[in-house]
Amino acid sequence: MPEATAEVLLIEDSPDDVTIFRHTFKKAGLTMGLRVVSDGAEALEFVSCTGRYAGRTASSRPKIIVLDLKLPKVDGLEVLRRLKSEPRTRTIPIVVFSSSQEERDLVASYKLGVNSYVVKPMDFDQFTRSIRRLCEYWLELNHTPKA
């Protein structure tokens, strides 16, 4: 498979949420690459450069991962646990962007090393504003190590 790059890796199984995220990303004038995967297993393959992404190089890692918790195949908490337990991927900022307001999900996410936890607003305007703010902070203001 050809080299696939992504500044932002969005791990989201809701087509509606993906559409809103893409629209907001484009409208904000963000020029870096957005890669979307719809389940936890594919997300782990993408970041680990295995399976269908074996052609990717480990140096082309995402600048930020936006992670939904309720995912098919491998749930978001397990994706978070695996990525934060690997030395090569633990410094990639991961933002949970979930509809879950459950305290147990919030606590579990922070115990596993999440960098931020954002509850998806139900209102369209607030939803797009949240995406814009998230991208502005993590892509423009925040500095992360390259590896």
N, C-alpha and C. Protein backbone atom coordinates (compact mmCIF):
# COMPACT_ATOMS: atom_id res chain seq x y z
N MET A 1 0.85 -1.18 0.00
CA MET A 1 0.00 0.00 0.00
C MET A 1 0.89 1.24 0.00
N PRO A 2 0.53 2.29 -0.72
CA PRO A 2 1.34 3.50 -0.75
C PRO A 2 1.38 4.18 0.61
N GLU A 3 2.38 5.01 0.79
CA GLU A 3 2.56 5.76 2.02
C GLU A 3 1.32 6.62 2.28
N ALA A 4 0.76 6.51 3.47
CA ALA A 4 -0.38 7.32 3.86
C ALA A 4 0.05 8.21 5.02
N THR A 5 -0.15 9.50 4.87
CA THR A 5 0.24 10.42 5.93
C THR A 5 -1.00 11.05 6.53
N ALA A 6 -0.86 11.51 7.74
CA ALA A 6 -1.96 12.19 8.41
C ALA A 6 -1.42 13.06 9.51
N GLU A 7 -1.80 14.29 9.51
CA GLU A 7 -1.50 15.15 10.64
C GLU A 7 -2.52 14.86 11.74
N VAL A 8 -3.76 14.64 11.33
CA VAL A 8 -4.83 14.31 12.27
C VAL A 8 -5.38 12.95 11.89
N LEU A 9 -5.40 12.04 12.86
CA LEU A 9 -6.05 10.75 12.67
C LEU A 9 -7.35 10.79 13.45
N LEU A 10 -8.46 10.74 12.73
CA LEU A 10 -9.78 10.71 13.35
C LEU A 10 -10.25 9.27 13.36
N ILE A 11 -10.51 8.76 14.56
CA ILE A 11 -11.00 7.39 14.72
C ILE A 11 -12.45 7.50 15.13
N GLU A 12 -13.35 7.35 14.17
CA GLU A 12 -14.77 7.63 14.37
C GLU A 12 -15.60 6.73 13.47
N ASP A 13 -16.61 6.08 14.03
CA ASP A 13 -17.45 5.19 13.24
C ASP A 13 -18.77 5.82 12.79
N SER A 14 -19.09 7.01 13.26
CA SER A 14 -20.33 7.67 12.86
C SER A 14 -20.11 8.47 11.58
N PRO A 15 -20.74 8.06 10.46
CA PRO A 15 -20.58 8.81 9.21
C PRO A 15 -21.00 10.27 9.34
N ASP A 16 -22.03 10.56 10.13
CA ASP A 16 -22.47 11.94 10.31
C ASP A 16 -21.40 12.77 11.01
N ASP A 17 -20.81 12.22 12.07
CA ASP A 17 -19.76 12.94 12.79
C ASP A 17 -18.53 13.15 11.91
N VAL A 18 -18.20 12.15 11.09
CA VAL A 18 -17.06 12.27 10.17
C VAL A 18 -17.32 13.39 9.17
N THR A 19 -18.54 13.45 8.63
CA THR A 19 -18.89 14.49 7.66
C THR A 19 -18.75 15.88 8.29
N ILE A 20 -19.25 16.05 9.49
CA ILE A 20 -19.16 17.35 10.17
C ILE A 20 -17.69 17.70 10.43
N PHE A 21 -16.92 16.72 10.88
CA PHE A 21 -15.50 16.96 11.16
C PHE A 21 -14.78 17.38 9.89
N ARG A 22 -14.99 16.66 8.79
CA ARG A 22 -14.33 17.01 7.51
C ARG A 22 -14.72 18.42 7.07
N HIS A 23 -16.00 18.73 7.14
CA HIS A 23 -16.50 20.05 6.73
C HIS A 23 -15.86 21.15 7.57
N THR A 24 -15.84 20.96 8.87
CA THR A 24 -15.27 21.97 9.77
C THR A 24 -13.78 22.11 9.53
N PHE A 25 -13.11 21.00 9.35
CA PHE A 25 -11.67 20.98 9.10
C PHE A 25 -11.35 21.79 7.84
N LYS A 26 -12.12 21.55 6.79
CA LYS A 26 -11.90 22.26 5.51
C LYS A 26 -12.26 23.74 5.64
N LYS A 27 -13.39 24.02 6.28
CA LYS A 27 -13.85 25.40 6.44
C LYS A 27 -12.87 26.23 7.27
N ALA A 28 -12.20 25.58 8.21
CA ALA A 28 -11.22 26.28 9.06
C ALA A 28 -9.94 26.59 8.31
N GLY A 29 -9.82 26.08 7.08
CA GLY A 29 -8.63 26.35 6.28
C GLY A 29 -7.42 25.56 6.72
N LEU A 30 -7.66 24.47 7.43
CA LEU A 30 -6.55 23.64 7.85
C LEU A 30 -6.04 22.85 6.66
N THR A 31 -4.76 22.95 6.42
CA THR A 31 -4.20 22.36 5.21
C THR A 31 -3.54 21.01 5.45
N MET A 32 -3.30 20.67 6.70
CA MET A 32 -2.64 19.40 6.95
C MET A 32 -3.60 18.24 6.69
N GLY A 33 -3.05 17.05 6.54
CA GLY A 33 -3.85 15.90 6.16
C GLY A 33 -4.75 15.39 7.27
N LEU A 34 -5.92 14.98 6.89
CA LEU A 34 -6.87 14.35 7.79
C LEU A 34 -7.06 12.93 7.30
N ARG A 35 -6.87 11.97 8.18
CA ARG A 35 -7.09 10.57 7.86
C ARG A 35 -8.19 10.07 8.78
N VAL A 36 -9.17 9.37 8.23
CA VAL A 36 -10.27 8.85 9.01
C VAL A 36 -10.26 7.33 8.93
N VAL A 37 -10.36 6.69 10.08
CA VAL A 37 -10.56 5.25 10.15
C VAL A 37 -11.80 5.02 11.01
N SER A 38 -12.53 3.94 10.72
CA SER A 38 -13.84 3.79 11.36
C SER A 38 -13.90 2.70 12.43
N ASP A 39 -12.78 2.06 12.74
CA ASP A 39 -12.81 1.10 13.84
C ASP A 39 -11.45 1.04 14.52
N GLY A 40 -11.45 0.51 15.72
CA GLY A 40 -10.23 0.48 16.52
C GLY A 40 -9.13 -0.39 15.95
N ALA A 41 -9.50 -1.49 15.31
CA ALA A 41 -8.49 -2.39 14.73
C ALA A 41 -7.73 -1.68 13.61
N GLU A 42 -8.46 -1.00 12.73
CA GLU A 42 -7.80 -0.27 11.65
C GLU A 42 -6.93 0.86 12.20
N ALA A 43 -7.39 1.52 13.25
CA ALA A 43 -6.61 2.60 13.86
C ALA A 43 -5.27 2.07 14.36
N LEU A 44 -5.28 0.93 15.03
CA LEU A 44 -4.04 0.34 15.53
C LEU A 44 -3.11 -0.06 14.39
N GLU A 45 -3.67 -0.59 13.31
CA GLU A 45 -2.85 -0.93 12.14
C GLU A 45 -2.23 0.33 11.54
N PHE A 46 -3.01 1.40 11.44
CA PHE A 46 -2.51 2.63 10.84
C PHE A 46 -1.34 3.18 11.64
N VAL A 47 -1.53 3.32 12.94
CA VAL A 47 -0.49 3.92 13.77
C VAL A 47 0.72 3.00 13.90
N SER A 48 0.48 1.69 13.94
CA SER A 48 1.57 0.73 14.10
C SER A 48 2.25 0.35 12.79
N CYS A 49 1.69 0.82 11.68
CA CYS A 49 2.23 0.49 10.35
C CYS A 49 2.25 -1.01 10.12
N THR A 50 1.12 -1.65 10.42
CA THR A 50 0.98 -3.09 10.22
C THR A 50 -0.25 -3.36 9.37
N GLY A 51 -0.46 -4.63 9.04
CA GLY A 51 -1.64 -5.02 8.27
C GLY A 51 -1.73 -4.27 6.96
N ARG A 52 -2.86 -3.68 6.70
CA ARG A 52 -3.06 -2.96 5.43
C ARG A 52 -2.22 -1.69 5.33
N TYR A 53 -1.59 -1.27 6.46
CA TYR A 53 -0.74 -0.08 6.46
C TYR A 53 0.73 -0.43 6.66
N ALA A 54 1.10 -1.64 6.31
CA ALA A 54 2.49 -2.09 6.48
C ALA A 54 3.45 -1.27 5.63
N GLY A 55 2.98 -0.60 4.58
CA GLY A 55 3.82 0.23 3.72
C GLY A 55 4.13 1.60 4.30
N ARG A 56 3.45 1.98 5.37
CA ARG A 56 3.71 3.27 6.01
C ARG A 56 5.02 3.20 6.79
N THR A 57 5.65 4.33 6.94
CA THR A 57 6.85 4.37 7.78
C THR A 57 6.47 4.92 9.15
N ALA A 58 7.13 4.42 10.16
CA ALA A 58 6.83 4.83 11.53
C ALA A 58 7.06 6.32 11.76
N SER A 59 7.92 6.92 10.96
CA SER A 59 8.21 8.35 11.14
C SER A 59 7.06 9.25 10.68
N SER A 60 6.14 8.72 9.92
CA SER A 60 5.00 9.53 9.44
C SER A 60 3.81 9.33 10.38
N ARG A 61 4.02 9.69 11.62
CA ARG A 61 2.98 9.50 12.63
C ARG A 61 2.06 10.71 12.70
N PRO A 62 0.83 10.52 13.16
CA PRO A 62 -0.09 11.65 13.28
C PRO A 62 0.40 12.66 14.30
N LYS A 63 0.05 13.91 14.08
CA LYS A 63 0.37 14.96 15.05
C LYS A 63 -0.60 14.90 16.23
N ILE A 64 -1.81 14.43 15.96
CA ILE A 64 -2.84 14.26 16.99
C ILE A 64 -3.79 13.16 16.56
N ILE A 65 -4.31 12.45 17.56
CA ILE A 65 -5.33 11.43 17.32
C ILE A 65 -6.60 11.88 18.04
N VAL A 66 -7.71 11.91 17.29
CA VAL A 66 -9.01 12.22 17.85
C VAL A 66 -9.78 10.91 17.88
N LEU A 67 -10.14 10.48 19.07
CA LEU A 67 -10.62 9.12 19.31
C LEU A 67 -12.01 9.08 19.90
N ASP A 68 -12.91 8.38 19.22
CA ASP A 68 -14.22 8.09 19.79
C ASP A 68 -14.05 6.86 20.69
N LEU A 69 -14.86 6.73 21.71
CA LEU A 69 -14.73 5.57 22.60
C LEU A 69 -15.53 4.37 22.14
N LYS A 70 -16.71 4.62 21.59
CA LYS A 70 -17.59 3.52 21.20
C LYS A 70 -17.30 3.14 19.75
N LEU A 71 -16.39 2.16 19.58
CA LEU A 71 -15.94 1.76 18.26
C LEU A 71 -16.15 0.27 18.05
N PRO A 72 -16.35 -0.14 16.79
CA PRO A 72 -16.40 -1.58 16.51
C PRO A 72 -15.00 -2.20 16.52
N LYS A 73 -14.97 -3.50 16.66
CA LYS A 73 -13.76 -4.35 16.63
C LYS A 73 -12.89 -4.18 17.86
N VAL A 74 -12.31 -3.01 18.06
CA VAL A 74 -11.51 -2.72 19.26
C VAL A 74 -12.03 -1.39 19.80
N ASP A 75 -12.51 -1.38 21.05
CA ASP A 75 -13.10 -0.14 21.57
C ASP A 75 -12.04 0.92 21.84
N GLY A 76 -12.50 2.14 21.99
CA GLY A 76 -11.61 3.29 22.13
C GLY A 76 -10.69 3.21 23.34
N LEU A 77 -11.18 2.70 24.46
CA LEU A 77 -10.33 2.60 25.64
C LEU A 77 -9.18 1.63 25.40
N GLU A 78 -9.44 0.55 24.68
CA GLU A 78 -8.37 -0.41 24.37
C GLU A 78 -7.37 0.19 23.38
N VAL A 79 -7.85 0.95 22.41
CA VAL A 79 -6.95 1.65 21.49
C VAL A 79 -6.06 2.61 22.29
N LEU A 80 -6.66 3.36 23.18
CA LEU A 80 -5.92 4.29 24.02
C LEU A 80 -4.88 3.56 24.86
N ARG A 81 -5.29 2.46 25.49
CA ARG A 81 -4.37 1.69 26.33
C ARG A 81 -3.16 1.21 25.52
N ARG A 82 -3.41 0.67 24.35
CA ARG A 82 -2.31 0.14 23.53
C ARG A 82 -1.38 1.24 23.04
N LEU A 83 -1.93 2.35 22.59
CA LEU A 83 -1.09 3.43 22.08
C LEU A 83 -0.27 4.09 23.18
N LYS A 84 -0.86 4.25 24.34
CA LYS A 84 -0.12 4.90 25.44
C LYS A 84 0.85 3.93 26.14
N SER A 85 0.75 2.64 25.85
CA SER A 85 1.68 1.68 26.45
C SER A 85 2.90 1.42 25.57
N GLU A 86 2.87 1.89 24.34
CA GLU A 86 3.99 1.69 23.41
C GLU A 86 4.91 2.90 23.43
N PRO A 87 6.21 2.70 23.66
CA PRO A 87 7.14 3.84 23.70
C PRO A 87 7.11 4.69 22.43
N ARG A 88 6.93 4.08 21.27
CA ARG A 88 6.95 4.81 20.00
C ARG A 88 5.72 5.69 19.80
N THR A 89 4.61 5.35 20.44
CA THR A 89 3.37 6.09 20.20
C THR A 89 2.85 6.84 21.43
N ARG A 90 3.44 6.64 22.58
CA ARG A 90 2.88 7.23 23.81
C ARG A 90 2.91 8.75 23.83
N THR A 91 3.80 9.38 23.04
CA THR A 91 3.85 10.85 23.06
C THR A 91 2.91 11.51 22.05
N ILE A 92 2.22 10.72 21.24
CA ILE A 92 1.24 11.30 20.32
C ILE A 92 0.04 11.76 21.15
N PRO A 93 -0.33 13.04 21.07
CA PRO A 93 -1.50 13.50 21.83
C PRO A 93 -2.76 12.80 21.35
N ILE A 94 -3.53 12.33 22.30
CA ILE A 94 -4.81 11.68 21.99
C ILE A 94 -5.91 12.44 22.71
N VAL A 95 -6.90 12.87 21.93
CA VAL A 95 -8.06 13.56 22.46
C VAL A 95 -9.26 12.65 22.28
N VAL A 96 -9.89 12.27 23.39
CA VAL A 96 -11.15 11.53 23.29
C VAL A 96 -12.21 12.55 22.92
N PHE A 97 -12.96 12.24 21.88
CA PHE A 97 -14.07 13.08 21.42
C PHE A 97 -15.27 12.16 21.35
N SER A 98 -16.02 12.11 22.43
CA SER A 98 -17.04 11.08 22.60
C SER A 98 -18.36 11.67 23.08
N SER A 99 -19.43 10.97 22.81
CA SER A 99 -20.73 11.39 23.32
C SER A 99 -20.91 10.93 24.77
N SER A 100 -20.02 10.08 25.26
CA SER A 100 -20.14 9.57 26.62
C SER A 100 -19.81 10.64 27.65
N GLN A 101 -20.74 10.82 28.57
CA GLN A 101 -20.53 11.71 29.71
C GLN A 101 -20.35 10.90 30.98
N GLU A 102 -20.16 9.59 30.82
CA GLU A 102 -20.02 8.70 31.96
C GLU A 102 -18.71 8.99 32.70
N GLU A 103 -18.81 9.16 33.99
CA GLU A 103 -17.64 9.42 34.82
C GLU A 103 -16.61 8.29 34.68
N ARG A 104 -17.09 7.06 34.58
CA ARG A 104 -16.16 5.92 34.46
C ARG A 104 -15.34 5.99 33.17
N ASP A 105 -15.93 6.48 32.08
CA ASP A 105 -15.18 6.63 30.82
C ASP A 105 -14.14 7.73 30.95
N LEU A 106 -14.53 8.83 31.58
CA LEU A 106 -13.61 9.95 31.80
C LEU A 106 -12.43 9.51 32.68
N VAL A 107 -12.72 8.86 33.79
CA VAL A 107 -11.67 8.41 34.71
C VAL A 107 -10.77 7.38 34.02
N ALA A 108 -11.37 6.41 33.34
CA ALA A 108 -10.59 5.37 32.66
C ALA A 108 -9.69 5.99 31.59
N SER A 109 -10.19 6.96 30.86
CA SER A 109 -9.41 7.61 29.81
C SER A 109 -8.18 8.30 30.40
N TYR A 110 -8.38 9.05 31.47
CA TYR A 110 -7.24 9.74 32.08
C TYR A 110 -6.27 8.77 32.74
N LYS A 111 -6.76 7.69 33.31
CA LYS A 111 -5.86 6.69 33.89
C LYS A 111 -5.00 6.04 32.82
N LEU A 112 -5.53 5.95 31.61
CA LEU A 112 -4.79 5.35 30.50
C LEU A 112 -3.87 6.35 29.79
N GLY A 113 -3.96 7.63 30.15
CA GLY A 113 -3.04 8.61 29.60
C GLY A 113 -3.58 9.53 28.54
N VAL A 114 -4.89 9.66 28.42
CA VAL A 114 -5.46 10.57 27.43
C VAL A 114 -4.97 12.00 27.72
N ASN A 115 -4.80 12.78 26.67
CA ASN A 115 -4.34 14.16 26.83
C ASN A 115 -5.49 15.14 27.03
N SER A 116 -6.68 14.77 26.56
CA SER A 116 -7.85 15.63 26.71
C SER A 116 -9.10 14.78 26.49
N TYR A 117 -10.19 15.19 27.12
CA TYR A 117 -11.46 14.48 26.97
C TYR A 117 -12.52 15.52 26.68
N VAL A 118 -13.14 15.43 25.50
CA VAL A 118 -14.15 16.39 25.07
C VAL A 118 -15.45 15.63 24.80
N VAL A 119 -16.53 16.09 25.42
CA VAL A 119 -17.84 15.50 25.16
C VAL A 119 -18.42 16.17 23.92
N LYS A 120 -18.84 15.35 22.96
CA LYS A 120 -19.41 15.87 21.72
C LYS A 120 -20.71 16.63 22.02
N PRO A 121 -20.75 17.89 21.66
CA PRO A 121 -22.02 18.63 21.84
C PRO A 121 -23.08 18.11 20.87
N MET A 122 -24.31 18.18 21.30
CA MET A 122 -25.42 17.73 20.45
C MET A 122 -25.83 18.79 19.44
N ASP A 123 -25.59 20.03 19.75
CA ASP A 123 -25.93 21.15 18.87
C ASP A 123 -24.88 21.26 17.76
N PHE A 124 -25.34 21.40 16.51
CA PHE A 124 -24.45 21.45 15.36
C PHE A 124 -23.40 22.56 15.47
N ASP A 125 -23.84 23.77 15.81
CA ASP A 125 -22.90 24.89 15.90
C ASP A 125 -21.87 24.68 17.00
N GLN A 126 -22.30 24.16 18.14
CA GLN A 126 -21.36 23.88 19.22
C GLN A 126 -20.42 22.74 18.84
N PHE A 127 -20.94 21.76 18.11
CA PHE A 127 -20.12 20.64 17.65
C PHE A 127 -19.00 21.14 16.74
N THR A 128 -19.35 21.97 15.77
CA THR A 128 -18.33 22.49 14.85
C THR A 128 -17.36 23.42 15.57
N ARG A 129 -17.86 24.21 16.52
CA ARG A 129 -16.98 25.09 17.31
C ARG A 129 -15.98 24.27 18.12
N SER A 130 -16.44 23.16 18.68
CA SER A 130 -15.55 22.28 19.45
C SER A 130 -14.45 21.70 18.56
N ILE A 131 -14.80 21.28 17.37
CA ILE A 131 -13.81 20.74 16.44
C ILE A 131 -12.79 21.82 16.08
N ARG A 132 -13.28 22.99 15.78
CA ARG A 132 -12.38 24.10 15.40
C ARG A 132 -11.41 24.42 16.54
N ARG A 133 -11.91 24.54 17.75
CA ARG A 133 -11.06 24.85 18.90
C ARG A 133 -10.05 23.73 19.16
N LEU A 134 -10.52 22.52 19.05
CA LEU A 134 -9.64 21.36 19.24
C LEU A 134 -8.47 21.42 18.25
N CYS A 135 -8.80 21.63 16.99
CA CYS A 135 -7.76 21.69 15.95
C CYS A 135 -6.84 22.89 16.14
N GLU A 136 -7.41 24.04 16.47
CA GLU A 136 -6.57 25.23 16.68
C GLU A 136 -5.55 24.99 17.79
N TYR A 137 -6.01 24.43 18.90
CA TYR A 137 -5.08 24.22 20.00
C TYR A 137 -4.03 23.17 19.67
N TRP A 138 -4.47 21.98 19.29
CA TRP A 138 -3.54 20.85 19.11
C TRP A 138 -2.68 20.97 17.88
N LEU A 139 -3.13 21.69 16.85
CA LEU A 139 -2.34 21.79 15.62
C LEU A 139 -1.56 23.09 15.49
N GLU A 140 -2.04 24.15 16.13
CA GLU A 140 -1.38 25.44 15.97
C GLU A 140 -0.63 25.90 17.22
N LEU A 141 -1.16 25.64 18.39
CA LEU A 141 -0.55 26.15 19.61
C LEU A 141 0.34 25.13 20.33
N ASN A 142 -0.11 23.90 20.38
CA ASN A 142 0.61 22.87 21.11
C ASN A 142 1.86 22.41 20.37
N HIS A 143 2.91 22.10 21.12
CA HIS A 143 4.14 21.56 20.55
C HIS A 143 4.36 20.15 21.10
N THR A 144 4.69 19.24 20.21
CA THR A 144 4.92 17.84 20.62
C THR A 144 6.28 17.39 20.07
N PRO A 145 6.87 16.37 20.73
CA PRO A 145 8.12 15.83 20.19
C PRO A 145 7.86 15.10 18.88
N LYS A 146 8.87 15.04 18.05
CA LYS A 146 8.72 14.36 16.74
C LYS A 146 8.65 12.86 16.89
N ALA A 147 9.25 12.30 17.91
CA ALA A 147 9.20 10.85 18.09
C ALA A 147 9.11 10.48 19.54
